[in-house]
Protein backbone atom coordinates (compact mmCIF):
# COMPACT_ATOMS: atom_id res chain seq x y z
CA UNK A 1 -4.90 59.55 18.19
CA UNK A 2 -8.56 58.76 18.90
CA UNK A 3 -8.99 57.55 15.34
CA UNK A 4 -6.07 55.17 15.77
CA UNK A 5 -7.33 53.96 19.14
CA UNK A 6 -10.72 52.87 17.77
CA UNK A 7 -9.41 51.38 14.54
CA UNK A 8 -10.14 47.65 14.12
CA UNK A 9 -12.05 47.56 17.42
CA UNK A 10 -15.39 45.79 17.80
CA UNK A 11 -16.32 46.79 21.36
CA UNK A 12 -15.38 49.87 23.39
CA UNK A 13 -15.76 50.21 27.15
CA UNK A 14 -15.72 53.98 27.57
CA UNK A 15 -14.80 54.51 31.23
CA UNK A 16 -12.59 57.59 30.88
CA UNK A 17 -13.65 60.92 32.36
CA UNK A 18 -12.47 63.99 34.21
CA UNK A 19 -14.07 63.07 37.48
CA UNK A 20 -13.61 63.00 41.22
CA UNK A 21 -15.80 62.61 44.27
CA UNK A 22 -18.29 65.03 45.76
CA UNK A 23 -15.73 67.71 46.54
CA UNK A 24 -14.39 67.66 43.00
CA UNK A 25 -17.77 67.47 41.26
CA UNK A 26 -19.16 70.40 43.26
CA UNK A 27 -16.08 72.63 43.29
CA UNK A 28 -14.58 72.01 39.82
CA UNK A 29 -17.26 72.46 37.18
CA UNK A 30 -14.98 73.12 34.20
CA UNK A 31 -13.17 69.80 34.57
CA UNK A 32 -16.20 67.51 34.21
CA UNK A 33 -17.61 69.85 31.56
CA UNK A 34 -14.69 68.87 29.32
CA UNK A 35 -16.09 65.33 29.23
CA UNK A 36 -18.57 66.54 26.61
CA UNK A 37 -15.68 66.87 24.17
CA UNK A 38 -14.01 63.64 25.28
CA UNK A 39 -17.09 61.45 24.92
CA UNK A 40 -18.30 63.17 21.76
CA UNK A 41 -14.95 62.59 20.06
CA UNK A 42 -14.85 58.91 21.04
CA UNK A 43 -18.42 58.29 19.91
CA UNK A 44 -17.92 60.05 16.56
CA UNK A 45 -14.67 58.32 15.70
CA UNK A 46 -16.08 54.96 16.80
CA UNK A 47 -19.08 55.47 14.54
CA UNK A 48 -16.90 56.35 11.56
CA UNK A 49 -14.55 53.41 12.24
CA UNK A 50 -17.36 50.87 12.19
CA UNK A 51 -17.15 49.92 15.88
CA UNK A 52 -20.00 47.56 16.69
CA UNK A 53 -20.80 48.65 20.24
CA UNK A 54 -19.91 51.15 22.96
CA UNK A 55 -20.50 50.42 26.64
CA UNK A 56 -20.57 53.74 28.43
CA UNK A 57 -19.89 54.46 32.09
CA UNK A 58 -22.81 56.67 33.00
CA UNK A 59 -23.84 57.60 36.53
CA UNK A 60 -26.58 58.02 39.09
CA UNK A 61 -25.80 61.72 38.59
CA UNK A 62 -28.19 61.74 35.61
CA UNK A 63 -31.19 61.59 37.97
CA UNK A 64 -33.02 64.82 38.82
CA UNK A 65 -31.76 66.54 41.95
CA UNK A 66 -35.22 67.77 42.88
CA UNK A 67 -36.53 64.28 43.64
CA UNK A 68 -33.56 63.38 45.88
CA UNK A 69 -33.91 65.99 48.63
CA UNK A 70 -35.68 64.15 51.45
CA UNK A 71 -33.53 61.52 53.22
CA UNK A 72 -36.54 60.25 55.16
CA UNK A 73 -38.37 59.21 52.02
CA UNK A 74 -37.96 55.58 50.96
CA UNK A 75 -36.88 56.32 47.40
CA UNK A 76 -35.48 53.98 44.77
CA UNK A 77 -34.54 55.59 41.47
CA UNK A 78 -35.90 53.77 38.42
CA UNK A 79 -34.52 54.31 34.94
CA UNK A 80 -37.66 56.04 33.71
CA UNK A 81 -37.22 58.84 36.26
CA UNK A 82 -34.67 60.45 33.95
CA UNK A 83 -36.75 62.85 31.89
CA UNK A 84 -38.13 66.37 31.68
CA UNK A 85 -37.69 68.55 33.58
CA UNK A 86 -34.07 67.42 33.50
CA UNK A 87 -32.06 68.34 36.58
CA UNK A 88 -28.85 66.27 36.66
CA UNK A 89 -26.05 66.62 39.20
CA UNK A 90 -23.71 69.44 38.15
CA UNK A 91 -21.80 69.58 34.87
CA UNK A 92 -20.67 66.00 35.45
CA UNK A 93 -24.29 64.82 35.47
CA UNK A 94 -25.19 66.90 32.41
CA UNK A 95 -22.43 65.27 30.39
CA UNK A 96 -23.51 61.79 31.43
CA UNK A 97 -27.10 62.57 30.47
CA UNK A 98 -26.10 64.12 27.14
CA UNK A 99 -23.84 61.20 26.24
CA UNK A 100 -26.59 58.69 26.96
CA UNK A 101 -28.88 60.60 24.58
CA UNK A 102 -26.17 60.78 21.90
CA UNK A 103 -25.67 57.03 22.03
CA UNK A 104 -29.39 56.37 21.71
CA UNK A 105 -29.53 58.66 18.69
CA UNK A 106 -26.53 56.96 17.11
CA UNK A 107 -28.16 53.57 17.60
CA UNK A 108 -31.53 54.68 16.22
CA UNK A 109 -30.23 56.54 13.19
CA UNK A 110 -26.79 55.04 12.49
CA UNK A 111 -26.96 51.52 13.93
CA UNK A 112 -24.17 51.89 16.51
CA UNK A 113 -25.03 49.52 19.34
CA UNK A 114 -24.56 50.84 22.86
CA UNK A 115 -25.34 50.40 26.54
CA UNK A 116 -25.14 53.03 29.27
CA UNK A 117 -24.37 51.71 32.76
CA UNK A 118 -25.53 54.06 35.51
CA UNK A 119 -23.04 53.45 38.30
CA UNK A 120 -24.06 54.21 41.86
CA UNK A 121 -21.34 55.24 44.32
CA UNK A 122 -18.70 52.68 43.42
CA UNK A 123 -16.06 51.82 46.03
CA UNK A 124 -13.43 49.19 46.73
CA UNK A 125 -9.67 48.55 46.74
CA UNK A 126 -7.61 51.04 44.72
CA UNK A 127 -10.28 53.68 45.21
CA UNK A 128 -9.33 57.32 45.78
CA UNK A 129 -9.68 59.54 48.82
CA UNK A 130 -11.93 62.00 47.02
CA UNK A 131 -14.75 59.45 47.17
CA UNK A 132 -16.66 59.12 50.40
CA UNK A 133 -15.90 55.56 51.50
CA UNK A 134 -12.15 55.92 50.91
CA UNK A 135 -12.22 59.31 52.61
CA UNK A 136 -13.77 57.72 55.71
CA UNK A 137 -11.18 54.96 55.69
CA UNK A 138 -8.34 57.46 55.22
CA UNK A 139 -9.49 59.52 58.20
CA UNK A 140 -9.55 56.43 60.36
CA UNK A 141 -6.15 55.37 59.02
CA UNK A 142 -4.45 58.56 60.14
CA UNK A 143 -6.36 58.59 63.43
CA UNK A 144 -8.24 61.82 62.75
CA UNK A 145 -9.93 63.15 65.88
CA UNK A 146 -12.31 64.87 65.68
CA UNK A 147 -13.39 62.75 62.72
CA UNK A 148 -14.73 65.10 60.03
CA UNK A 149 -17.97 64.30 58.19
CA UNK A 150 -19.32 66.54 55.45
CA UNK A 151 -22.92 67.66 55.91
CA UNK A 152 -25.21 66.39 58.65
CA UNK A 153 -24.40 62.73 58.00
CA UNK A 154 -27.96 61.85 57.06
CA UNK A 155 -27.22 61.60 53.33
CA UNK A 156 -28.48 58.22 52.07
CA UNK A 157 -26.40 56.23 49.59
CA UNK A 158 -26.12 52.73 48.16
CA UNK A 159 -22.40 52.12 47.89
CA UNK A 160 -21.70 49.40 45.32
CA UNK A 161 -18.60 47.22 45.40
CA UNK A 162 -16.30 47.40 42.41
CA UNK A 163 -16.45 43.69 41.51
CA UNK A 164 -20.24 43.88 41.21
CA UNK A 165 -19.93 46.92 38.96
CA UNK A 166 -17.42 45.12 36.73
CA UNK A 167 -19.69 42.10 36.39
CA UNK A 168 -22.73 44.24 35.59
CA UNK A 169 -20.81 46.20 32.97
CA UNK A 170 -19.76 43.04 31.13
CA UNK A 171 -23.33 41.72 31.23
CA UNK A 172 -24.60 45.01 29.80
CA UNK A 173 -22.12 44.63 26.95
CA UNK A 174 -23.56 41.21 26.22
CA UNK A 175 -27.27 41.95 26.57
CA UNK A 176 -28.09 45.61 25.89
CA UNK A 177 -27.80 46.94 22.35
CA UNK A 178 -30.08 49.98 21.92
CA UNK A 179 -28.25 52.53 24.08
CA UNK A 180 -30.56 52.15 27.05
CA UNK A 181 -29.40 53.32 30.45
CA UNK A 182 -29.47 50.76 33.23
CA UNK A 183 -28.83 51.08 36.94
CA UNK A 184 -25.94 49.18 38.47
CA UNK A 185 -26.23 49.63 42.21
CA UNK A 186 -27.28 47.90 45.38
CA UNK A 187 -30.57 48.66 47.07
CA UNK A 188 -29.01 48.89 50.54
CA UNK A 189 -29.89 52.23 52.06
CA UNK A 190 -26.93 53.39 54.16
CA UNK A 191 -26.47 56.83 55.67
CA UNK A 192 -23.11 58.54 55.77
CA UNK A 193 -23.08 58.37 59.57
CA UNK A 194 -23.83 54.64 59.52
CA UNK A 195 -20.90 54.09 57.19
CA UNK A 196 -18.58 56.23 59.33
CA UNK A 197 -19.53 54.40 62.51
CA UNK A 198 -18.82 51.04 60.86
CA UNK A 199 -15.41 52.29 59.73
CA UNK A 200 -14.58 53.40 63.26
CA UNK A 201 -15.85 50.15 64.75
CA UNK A 202 -13.95 47.88 62.36
CA UNK A 203 -10.70 49.84 62.69
CA UNK A 204 -10.97 50.08 66.47
CA UNK A 205 -10.74 53.86 66.39
CA UNK A 206 -12.43 56.05 68.98
CA UNK A 207 -13.09 59.58 67.80
CA UNK A 208 -15.55 62.41 68.20
CA UNK A 209 -17.51 63.04 65.01
CA UNK A 210 -17.46 66.63 63.75
CA UNK A 211 -20.12 67.60 61.22
CA UNK A 212 -18.97 70.12 58.60
CA UNK A 213 -22.26 71.46 57.32
CA UNK A 214 -20.65 74.00 54.98
CA UNK A 215 -19.00 71.32 52.82
CA UNK A 216 -20.43 69.72 49.63
CA UNK A 217 -22.87 66.91 50.33
CA UNK A 218 -24.64 66.11 47.06
CA UNK A 219 -28.20 64.80 46.98
CA UNK A 220 -29.66 63.69 50.30
CA UNK A 221 -31.33 60.53 49.00
CA UNK A 222 -29.70 58.64 46.13
CA UNK A 223 -30.38 54.89 45.91
CA UNK A 224 -30.83 52.78 42.79
CA UNK A 225 -33.69 50.50 41.91
CA UNK A 226 -31.88 47.57 40.29
CA UNK A 227 -34.91 45.53 39.26
CA UNK A 228 -34.37 46.25 35.55
CA UNK A 229 -30.78 44.98 35.74
CA UNK A 230 -32.06 41.81 37.39
CA UNK A 231 -34.64 41.39 34.62
CA UNK A 232 -32.51 42.23 31.58
CA UNK A 233 -29.06 41.16 32.71
CA UNK A 234 -29.73 38.54 35.34
CA UNK A 235 -27.52 40.71 37.57
CA UNK A 236 -27.71 41.50 41.22
CA UNK A 237 -24.96 42.66 43.57
CA UNK A 238 -23.22 39.93 45.54
CA UNK A 239 -21.20 41.98 48.03
CA UNK A 240 -23.05 43.50 50.98
CA UNK A 241 -21.85 46.92 52.08
CA UNK A 242 -20.32 45.83 55.37
CA UNK A 243 -18.36 43.02 53.69
CA UNK A 244 -17.08 45.28 50.92
CA UNK A 245 -16.21 48.02 53.39
CA UNK A 246 -14.12 45.63 55.47
CA UNK A 247 -12.28 44.42 52.35
CA UNK A 248 -11.61 48.03 51.38
CA UNK A 249 -10.30 48.92 54.84
CA UNK A 250 -8.00 45.90 54.86
CA UNK A 251 -6.59 46.93 51.49
CA UNK A 252 -6.10 50.58 52.47
CA UNK A 253 -4.39 49.83 55.76
CA UNK A 254 -1.99 47.41 54.07
CA UNK A 255 -1.22 49.58 51.02
CA UNK A 256 -0.85 53.11 52.37
CA UNK A 257 1.73 54.99 54.42
CA UNK A 258 0.33 57.04 57.26
CA UNK A 259 2.56 60.10 56.97
CA UNK A 260 1.97 60.40 53.23
CA UNK A 261 -1.80 60.23 53.65
CA UNK A 262 -1.76 62.62 56.58
CA UNK A 263 0.25 65.26 54.72
CA UNK A 264 -1.88 65.20 51.56
CA UNK A 265 -5.39 64.24 52.69
CA UNK A 266 -6.83 67.76 52.60
CA UNK A 267 -5.93 68.10 48.92
CA UNK A 268 -6.92 64.54 48.06
CA UNK A 269 -10.46 65.11 49.34
CA UNK A 270 -11.30 67.74 46.74
CA UNK A 271 -8.80 67.39 43.90
CA UNK A 272 -8.86 64.90 41.07
């Protein structure tokens, strides 16, 4: 089936993966581990079929965990920070790192062009509840009180709106050929608590915040440096976090049914 899928194809956008948000990535290691087989099969069959280029959906999870521990540090992750000693984020991060390296080897030795787009915390309409922003919106939607937040709320992220990610991915397809990894993310530093408070404010909800410090939180300080994408792609994100968050809330509140979300939210937060 894979052989048929890549036949007579010039360009592949490989976005498929066994993946979920923080709860899934931390609590379900065997699922993301299977991505090694999935990506390896696609790359091999594409190579044999004479595909010209693969654009791969990589992740900020390739960056070493040990440099992302202090939320008070003003840290921006540059592409060259991925290197020994490797310490990616769970089995999901290991697969992303391995696949990037495979694509570079295929380019160097076999001529298969490639680009690896390192996505940083993508959100937007049609997102799922197992990712943080949609989880916050879902909790507000059902009127959760106390409003549950995983960890201490000080985790720093740079949530990147889906339309900016799509644009950056297409530009990478046009301008990167050697399998290099490139960050696609904003440089807005937003804590989890800041995001939650904006959700509550915009939705008009009043709720007590309950910190669940025994739940998965991921790295405490993950924010992209996107200067290389600006230089090589002419790309920079257009949608500020608050604007994209409001668009996402508007979509969720118009598309979902409260009782359905309420009855299934616990499972949706951790399952794929």
